[in-house]
Amino acid sequence: MRQPSKRLQNLSAAIFSEMAARKKEVAKKRTVYDLSIGSPDQPPEDQLLETLLAAARQPGAFGYALSEGTGAFREEVARWYQYRFGVELAPDGEVHSLMGSQDGLAHFALAWTDPGDIVLVPDPGYPIYEGSVHLAGAIPYRMPLRAENGFLPRLADIPDEIAARAKFMILNYPNNPVSAVATVDFFAEVVAFAKRHDIIVVHDLAYSEMAFDGYRPPSFLQAPGAKEVGIEFNSFSKSFNMAGCRIAYVVGNSEIIKPLAIVKSNVDYGVFLPVQQMAVAALRMDREAGGKSSVGPVYQERRDVLLAALAEAGWDIVPPKATMFVWAPVPTGWTSREFAIALLEEAGVVVIPGSAFGDEGEGYVRIALVQSPEVLRQAARSIAESGILARKTGA
């Protein structure tokens, strides 16, 4: 009997598929509040939609696009990075378009590792970080992210023999799933570590504009010397409600980007030209608005509504400073999987167990702020009425 590649055995789709299947069954009997997947539920701004429609009517709009992106796109990304972070980028070489940041992250390990190489990945972490390493035949080394260290990796705990073999390190701040943030000072420590051990730094900044309470997430490239050792991915999915458009970019060290660009040129073409024009308009609109994000206030209100309602129900959760997620500790006596299943079956609320993101995710669930404030209130009310928060598993 034919068997698929053994590489698939290390990909973590099982729990997501299980929760989706359970959701279908529960939905036959009761109202379900889906707070599982981080997919924006709002449309892009009308101005961006108008740009997309007008661009689609232009001659040549439906032709092949170059993998690196149009000159206009790369120039606007460079202009926005200078405006937003004070980081200078050369549009030719230091900016490359992608079909979503997950696309670039998935291909990066193919470009930079050989079987047996080591890659430093966060635990817990977004599944593609470790998944991309397995697909390339490399070996992930998990860096624990724990509350007592602000969910930052302790670089000093990485054994020298591991650091000596590591090709690159993946970081992600603001973080999915734990919603933690990092400072430029921490990134400076990372740069020093990377230089000491000749490690590439790959930073995922997908949530750069989805921040709250006046907080402005920094870029890794703001750290002195960062461009010498690293690159950064950013996306239009969360910041501009363009998830389905599949457009993002990688910026930073041109020599690190080149191998990724070679892989990309062999497996796909560039992003649909009208979508690139839409992205240019989004960055320009953001600059002209003075950085007043339209998504930040939406998710801040949702965060505040949900956490206040859950606190009334007896579930106290530390408010995140950024992202569209809440990283919530499960009540004593439950595993994260048991608690997530109980929430679904007894309260009709779908969340993802923290263990889906790595061993260090045990003891938490990830809640996505992807419903309106009123629906979030209803979900919290359903949790309170279920009595789950006061009950230990097996009791």
Protein backbone atom coordinates (compact mmCIF):
# COMPACT_ATOMS: atom_id res chain seq x y z
CA MET A 1 0.00 0.00 0.00
CA ARG A 2 1.29 3.45 -0.90
CA GLN A 3 2.37 5.62 2.05
CA PRO A 4 2.76 9.39 2.15
CA SER A 5 6.07 11.02 3.04
CA LYS A 6 7.27 10.46 6.59
CA ARG A 7 7.79 14.22 6.79
CA LEU A 8 4.05 14.60 7.35
CA GLN A 9 4.25 12.70 10.62
CA ASN A 10 5.84 15.71 12.29
CA LEU A 11 3.23 18.25 11.18
CA SER A 12 0.77 19.29 13.89
CA ALA A 13 -2.59 19.42 12.14
CA ALA A 14 -4.20 16.72 14.30
CA ILE A 15 -5.58 18.83 17.15
CA PHE A 16 -6.87 21.53 14.79
CA SER A 17 -8.67 18.88 12.73
CA GLU A 18 -10.02 17.26 15.88
CA MET A 19 -11.43 20.53 17.22
CA ALA A 20 -13.01 21.31 13.85
CA ALA A 21 -14.68 17.88 13.74
CA ARG A 22 -15.93 18.22 17.32
CA LYS A 23 -17.26 21.69 16.53
CA LYS A 24 -19.42 20.29 13.70
CA GLU A 25 -20.98 17.76 16.04
CA VAL A 26 -21.63 20.24 18.84
CA ALA A 27 -23.11 22.76 16.38
CA LYS A 28 -25.88 20.28 15.61
CA LYS A 29 -27.12 20.60 19.20
CA ARG A 30 -26.32 24.14 20.37
CA THR A 31 -24.93 27.56 19.50
CA VAL A 32 -21.18 27.51 18.98
CA TYR A 33 -18.86 30.48 19.53
CA ASP A 34 -15.77 29.89 17.43
CA LEU A 35 -12.72 31.59 18.99
CA SER A 36 -10.19 29.16 17.58
CA ILE A 37 -8.56 30.38 14.37
CA GLY A 38 -6.86 33.76 14.02
CA SER A 39 -8.59 34.85 10.83
CA PRO A 40 -9.70 38.51 10.74
CA ASP A 41 -13.48 38.86 10.52
CA GLN A 42 -13.43 42.47 9.26
CA PRO A 43 -13.11 43.56 5.59
CA PRO A 44 -10.35 45.86 4.32
CA GLU A 45 -11.00 49.61 4.22
CA ASP A 46 -13.30 50.74 1.38
CA GLN A 47 -10.46 52.75 -0.14
CA LEU A 48 -8.37 49.59 -0.46
CA LEU A 49 -11.23 47.65 -2.05
CA GLU A 50 -11.68 50.44 -4.59
CA THR A 51 -7.96 50.31 -5.38
CA LEU A 52 -8.15 46.55 -5.91
CA LEU A 53 -11.16 46.78 -8.23
CA ALA A 54 -9.66 49.59 -10.30
CA ALA A 55 -6.34 47.74 -10.59
CA ALA A 56 -8.06 44.56 -11.76
CA ARG A 57 -9.48 46.45 -14.74
CA GLN A 58 -6.10 47.67 -15.94
CA PRO A 59 -4.51 46.12 -19.06
CA GLY A 60 -2.08 43.39 -18.11
CA ALA A 61 -3.47 43.01 -14.59
CA PHE A 62 -3.90 39.26 -15.00
CA GLY A 63 -0.44 38.49 -16.31
CA TYR A 64 2.34 36.75 -14.41
CA ALA A 65 4.01 38.81 -11.71
CA LEU A 66 7.69 38.61 -10.81
CA SER A 67 8.42 36.73 -7.59
CA GLU A 68 10.28 39.61 -5.93
CA GLY A 69 7.35 41.99 -6.30
CA THR A 70 6.88 45.12 -8.38
CA GLY A 71 9.23 48.03 -7.97
CA ALA A 72 6.36 50.13 -6.62
CA PHE A 73 5.60 47.52 -3.96
CA ARG A 74 9.21 47.14 -2.82
CA GLU A 75 9.74 50.90 -2.74
CA GLU A 76 6.61 51.45 -0.64
CA VAL A 77 7.62 48.73 1.83
CA ALA A 78 11.01 50.42 2.22
CA ARG A 79 9.34 53.81 2.64
CA TRP A 80 6.95 52.41 5.28
CA TYR A 81 9.78 50.75 7.26
CA GLN A 82 11.64 54.05 7.36
CA TYR A 83 8.49 55.84 8.53
CA ARG A 84 7.33 53.20 11.02
CA PHE A 85 10.62 51.94 12.49
CA GLY A 86 13.35 54.28 11.29
CA VAL A 87 14.92 51.35 9.44
CA GLU A 88 16.51 51.99 6.04
CA LEU A 89 16.03 49.31 3.38
CA ALA A 90 17.19 49.08 -0.22
CA PRO A 91 14.12 48.23 -2.36
CA ASP A 92 16.37 46.16 -4.62
CA GLY A 93 17.72 43.24 -2.60
CA GLU A 94 16.51 44.01 0.90
CA VAL A 95 12.77 43.71 0.16
CA HIS A 96 11.04 40.68 -1.39
CA SER A 97 7.31 40.02 -1.74
CA LEU A 98 5.68 36.81 -0.52
CA MET A 99 2.34 35.06 -0.82
CA GLY A 100 1.74 35.48 2.91
CA SER A 101 4.39 35.33 5.62
CA GLN A 102 3.61 31.65 6.28
CA ASP A 103 4.63 31.00 2.67
CA GLY A 104 8.03 32.57 3.21
CA LEU A 105 8.55 30.92 6.57
CA ALA A 106 7.64 27.54 5.10
CA HIS A 107 10.26 27.89 2.37
CA PHE A 108 13.07 29.46 4.38
CA ALA A 109 14.31 26.21 5.90
CA LEU A 110 14.47 24.68 2.41
CA ALA A 111 16.69 27.55 1.35
CA TRP A 112 19.07 27.46 4.30
CA THR A 113 19.27 23.98 5.82
CA ASP A 114 20.42 20.51 4.88
CA PRO A 115 19.30 17.29 6.58
CA GLY A 116 20.77 17.12 10.06
CA ASP A 117 21.18 20.88 10.53
CA ILE A 118 19.67 22.40 13.68
CA VAL A 119 17.16 25.25 13.83
CA LEU A 120 16.24 27.04 17.06
CA VAL A 121 12.45 27.34 17.33
CA PRO A 122 10.17 28.79 20.03
CA ASP A 123 8.09 26.47 22.22
CA PRO A 124 5.21 27.20 22.21
CA GLY A 125 5.26 28.52 18.67
CA TYR A 126 3.20 28.94 15.53
CA PRO A 127 3.13 25.45 13.94
CA ILE A 128 4.83 26.37 10.65
CA TYR A 129 8.04 27.31 12.51
CA GLU A 130 8.80 23.76 13.53
CA GLY A 131 6.85 22.24 10.62
CA SER A 132 9.05 23.98 8.04
CA VAL A 133 12.14 22.56 9.71
CA HIS A 134 10.79 19.00 9.54
CA LEU A 135 9.79 19.45 5.88
CA ALA A 136 13.36 20.45 5.09
CA GLY A 137 14.77 17.41 6.90
CA ALA A 138 16.47 19.56 9.53
CA ILE A 139 16.23 19.18 13.31
CA PRO A 140 14.30 21.64 15.49
CA TYR A 141 15.71 22.56 18.89
CA ARG A 142 12.96 23.98 21.07
CA MET A 143 13.60 27.14 23.07
CA PRO A 144 11.15 27.21 26.02
CA LEU A 145 9.00 30.33 26.35
CA ARG A 146 7.83 30.57 29.97
CA ALA A 147 5.85 33.11 31.96
CA GLU A 148 8.61 33.65 34.51
CA ASN A 149 10.86 35.01 31.75
CA GLY A 150 8.19 37.09 30.03
CA PHE A 151 7.82 34.36 27.41
CA LEU A 152 11.24 35.25 25.99
CA PRO A 153 13.78 32.51 25.29
CA ARG A 154 16.72 32.30 27.70
CA LEU A 155 19.59 32.45 25.23
CA ALA A 156 22.11 31.52 27.93
CA ASP A 157 20.35 28.17 28.38
CA ILE A 158 21.04 27.09 24.79
CA PRO A 159 23.98 24.64 24.95
CA ASP A 160 27.10 25.78 23.10
CA GLU A 161 27.18 22.55 21.08
CA ILE A 162 23.62 23.24 19.88
CA ALA A 163 24.34 26.87 19.06
CA ALA A 164 27.45 25.82 17.11
CA ARG A 165 25.31 23.60 14.83
CA ALA A 166 22.30 25.91 14.50
CA LYS A 167 21.72 27.50 11.09
CA PHE A 168 19.06 29.95 12.19
CA MET A 169 16.75 31.00 15.00
CA ILE A 170 13.04 31.86 14.66
CA LEU A 171 11.52 34.54 16.86
CA ASN A 172 8.04 36.08 16.84
CA TYR A 173 7.10 39.23 18.78
CA PRO A 174 4.34 40.18 19.31
CA ASN A 175 3.93 36.46 19.72
CA ASN A 176 1.43 33.91 18.50
CA PRO A 177 0.19 32.06 20.54
CA VAL A 178 1.33 33.59 23.85
CA SER A 179 0.76 37.28 22.92
CA ALA A 180 4.04 38.32 24.59
CA VAL A 181 6.09 41.30 23.39
CA ALA A 182 9.82 42.05 23.18
CA THR A 183 12.00 45.13 23.46
CA VAL A 184 14.79 46.45 21.25
CA ASP A 185 17.15 45.68 24.15
CA PHE A 186 16.17 42.01 23.96
CA PHE A 187 16.70 42.05 20.20
CA ALA A 188 20.16 43.54 20.81
CA GLU A 189 20.96 40.52 23.00
CA VAL A 190 19.77 38.27 20.18
CA VAL A 191 22.04 40.05 17.70
CA ALA A 192 25.04 39.56 19.98
CA PHE A 193 24.19 35.87 20.43
CA ALA A 194 23.74 35.41 16.68
CA LYS A 195 27.08 37.04 15.89
CA ARG A 196 28.85 34.97 18.54
CA HIS A 197 27.56 31.70 17.09
CA ASP A 198 27.15 32.65 13.40
CA ILE A 199 23.36 32.12 13.46
CA ILE A 200 20.81 33.75 11.17
CA VAL A 201 17.89 35.42 12.96
CA VAL A 202 14.43 35.10 11.40
CA HIS A 203 11.85 37.38 13.02
CA ASP A 204 8.12 37.15 12.33
CA LEU A 205 6.46 40.56 12.87
CA ALA A 206 2.99 39.69 11.59
CA TYR A 207 1.26 41.55 14.46
CA SER A 208 3.22 44.80 14.26
CA GLU A 209 0.11 47.00 14.00
CA MET A 210 -2.29 44.98 16.15
CA ALA A 211 -1.29 46.49 19.50
CA PHE A 212 -3.13 48.13 22.39
CA ASP A 213 -3.00 50.83 25.07
CA GLY A 214 -0.63 52.99 23.05
CA TYR A 215 2.00 50.26 22.71
CA ARG A 216 3.96 50.25 19.43
CA PRO A 217 5.82 46.98 18.73
CA PRO A 218 9.40 47.44 17.54
CA SER A 219 11.08 45.81 14.58
CA PHE A 220 13.95 43.40 15.16
CA LEU A 221 15.85 45.43 12.57
CA GLN A 222 15.88 48.41 14.95
CA ALA A 223 18.50 46.67 17.08
CA PRO A 224 22.07 47.78 16.24
CA GLY A 225 23.68 45.32 13.83
CA ALA A 226 20.42 43.39 13.26
CA LYS A 227 20.60 43.64 9.49
CA GLU A 228 24.02 41.98 9.57
CA VAL A 229 22.53 38.77 10.95
CA GLY A 230 18.85 38.69 10.18
CA ILE A 231 15.67 39.20 8.28
CA GLU A 232 12.09 40.00 9.21
CA PHE A 233 8.74 38.86 7.85
CA ASN A 234 5.67 41.07 7.92
CA SER A 235 2.21 40.67 6.50
CA PHE A 236 -0.90 42.55 5.38
CA SER A 237 -3.20 39.84 6.75
CA LYS A 238 -3.67 41.14 10.29
CA SER A 239 -2.71 44.81 9.97
CA PHE A 240 -5.02 45.55 7.04
CA ASN A 241 -7.60 42.72 7.13
CA MET A 242 -6.16 41.26 3.91
CA ALA A 243 -5.66 37.64 5.01
CA GLY A 244 -7.25 36.11 1.91
CA CYS A 245 -5.20 38.30 -0.43
CA ARG A 246 -2.04 36.32 0.48
CA ILE A 247 0.51 39.10 0.39
CA ALA A 248 3.44 39.73 2.70
CA TYR A 249 7.15 40.46 2.46
CA VAL A 250 10.55 39.70 3.89
CA VAL A 251 13.09 42.46 4.56
CA GLY A 252 16.62 42.71 5.84
CA ASN A 253 19.97 41.20 4.89
CA SER A 254 20.06 40.75 1.11
CA GLU A 255 22.45 37.79 1.24
CA ILE A 256 20.08 35.96 3.59
CA ILE A 257 17.09 36.75 1.37
CA LYS A 258 18.77 35.55 -1.86
CA PRO A 259 18.52 31.77 -1.24
CA LEU A 260 14.86 32.18 -0.25
CA ALA A 261 14.28 34.14 -3.45
CA ILE A 262 15.80 31.29 -5.46
CA VAL A 263 13.44 28.78 -3.86
CA LYS A 264 10.48 31.09 -4.48
CA SER A 265 11.39 31.59 -8.13
CA ASN A 266 11.33 27.84 -8.63
CA VAL A 267 8.06 27.01 -6.89
CA ASP A 268 5.75 29.94 -7.71
CA TYR A 269 5.33 33.33 -9.35
CA GLY A 270 4.63 36.67 -7.74
CA VAL A 271 1.52 37.99 -6.03
CA PHE A 272 -1.46 39.01 -8.20
CA LEU A 273 -0.60 42.50 -9.50
CA PRO A 274 -3.83 44.21 -8.35
CA VAL A 275 -3.26 42.84 -4.85
CA GLN A 276 0.21 44.38 -4.87
CA GLN A 277 -1.34 47.73 -5.81
CA MET A 278 -3.81 47.29 -2.97
CA ALA A 279 -0.92 46.64 -0.58
CA VAL A 280 0.91 49.76 -1.77
CA ALA A 281 -2.25 51.77 -1.08
CA ALA A 282 -2.53 50.24 2.40
CA LEU A 283 0.99 51.24 3.40
CA ARG A 284 0.59 54.71 1.92
CA MET A 285 -2.74 55.17 3.67
CA ASP A 286 -1.17 54.13 6.98
CA ARG A 287 1.65 56.65 6.60
CA GLU A 288 -0.77 59.44 5.72
CA ALA A 289 -2.91 58.58 8.75
CA GLY A 290 0.10 59.03 11.03
CA GLY A 291 0.15 55.41 12.18
CA LYS A 292 -3.34 55.46 13.66
CA SER A 293 -4.11 51.77 13.16
CA SER A 294 -7.70 50.93 12.36
CA VAL A 295 -7.34 47.36 13.67
CA GLY A 296 -5.77 48.10 17.05
CA PRO A 297 -8.83 49.79 18.62
CA VAL A 298 -11.15 47.06 17.32
CA TYR A 299 -9.21 44.26 19.00
CA GLN A 300 -8.48 46.28 22.12
CA GLU A 301 -12.22 46.67 22.69
CA ARG A 302 -12.72 42.95 22.16
CA ARG A 303 -9.88 42.11 24.55
CA ASP A 304 -11.32 44.38 27.24
CA VAL A 305 -14.88 43.06 26.83
CA LEU A 306 -13.88 39.40 26.92
CA LEU A 307 -11.43 39.64 29.83
CA ALA A 308 -13.85 41.69 31.94
CA ALA A 309 -16.64 39.16 31.35
CA LEU A 310 -14.38 36.21 32.10
CA ALA A 311 -13.08 37.89 35.25
CA GLU A 312 -16.68 38.20 36.47
CA ALA A 313 -17.01 34.47 35.85
CA GLY A 314 -13.90 33.79 37.94
CA TRP A 315 -11.29 33.42 35.19
CA ASP A 316 -8.53 36.03 35.62
CA ILE A 317 -6.27 36.44 32.58
CA VAL A 318 -3.33 38.80 32.06
CA PRO A 319 -4.33 41.31 29.32
CA PRO A 320 -2.10 41.05 26.24
CA LYS A 321 -0.42 44.17 24.86
CA ALA A 322 -0.76 43.01 21.26
CA THR A 323 -2.03 40.36 18.77
CA MET A 324 -5.53 39.02 18.26
CA PHE A 325 -5.11 36.30 20.89
CA VAL A 326 -5.51 35.79 24.60
CA TRP A 327 -3.18 33.22 26.22
CA ALA A 328 -5.28 31.93 29.08
CA PRO A 329 -4.16 29.60 31.90
CA VAL A 330 -6.48 26.65 32.38
CA PRO A 331 -8.02 26.05 35.83
CA THR A 332 -6.21 23.71 38.19
CA GLY A 333 -6.76 20.02 37.51
CA TRP A 334 -7.23 20.17 33.75
CA THR A 335 -4.91 19.49 30.86
CA SER A 336 -5.18 22.05 28.07
CA ARG A 337 -6.76 19.51 25.71
CA GLU A 338 -9.30 18.32 28.29
CA PHE A 339 -10.27 21.89 29.12
CA ALA A 340 -10.61 22.93 25.45
CA ILE A 341 -12.85 19.95 24.74
CA ALA A 342 -14.96 20.65 27.84
CA LEU A 343 -15.37 24.30 26.83
CA LEU A 344 -16.63 23.20 23.43
CA GLU A 345 -18.95 20.42 24.55
CA GLU A 346 -20.35 22.11 27.67
CA ALA A 347 -20.20 25.82 26.80
CA GLY A 348 -20.10 25.75 23.00
CA VAL A 349 -16.88 27.81 22.93
CA VAL A 350 -14.09 26.72 20.57
CA VAL A 351 -10.52 27.49 21.61
CA ILE A 352 -7.21 25.79 20.83
CA PRO A 353 -5.34 23.89 23.56
CA GLY A 354 -1.90 25.31 24.23
CA SER A 355 -0.33 21.89 23.76
CA ALA A 356 -1.06 22.22 20.03
CA PHE A 357 1.78 24.76 19.88
CA GLY A 358 4.40 22.73 21.74
CA ASP A 359 5.07 21.04 25.06
CA GLU A 360 5.48 24.39 26.83
CA GLY A 361 1.95 25.31 25.79
CA GLU A 362 0.50 22.79 28.22
CA GLY A 363 -1.56 24.51 30.91
CA TYR A 364 -2.97 27.18 28.58
CA VAL A 365 -5.55 27.66 25.85
CA ARG A 366 -5.39 30.21 23.04
CA ILE A 367 -8.50 32.32 22.56
CA ALA A 368 -8.86 34.27 19.30
CA LEU A 369 -10.60 37.66 19.42
CA VAL A 370 -12.36 37.06 16.11
CA GLN A 371 -15.96 37.82 17.07
CA SER A 372 -17.85 41.01 17.89
CA PRO A 373 -17.92 42.30 21.48
CA GLU A 374 -21.50 41.10 21.90
CA VAL A 375 -20.65 37.57 20.74
CA LEU A 376 -17.64 37.56 23.06
CA ARG A 377 -19.93 38.52 25.96
CA GLN A 378 -22.27 35.68 25.04
CA ALA A 379 -19.35 33.24 24.90
CA ALA A 380 -18.14 34.35 28.34
CA ARG A 381 -21.68 34.04 29.69
CA SER A 382 -21.95 30.53 28.33
CA ILE A 383 -18.65 29.60 30.00
CA ALA A 384 -19.85 31.00 33.31
CA GLU A 385 -23.18 29.18 33.12
CA SER A 386 -21.48 25.88 32.32
CA GLY A 387 -19.73 25.83 35.71
CA ILE A 388 -16.51 24.55 34.12
CA LEU A 389 -14.28 27.14 35.76
CA ALA A 390 -15.17 25.93 39.26
CA ARG A 391 -14.83 22.24 38.50
CA LYS A 392 -11.65 20.21 38.46
CA THR A 393 -11.35 17.42 35.91
CA GLY A 394 -12.39 14.10 37.35
CA ALA A 395 -14.23 15.75 40.25
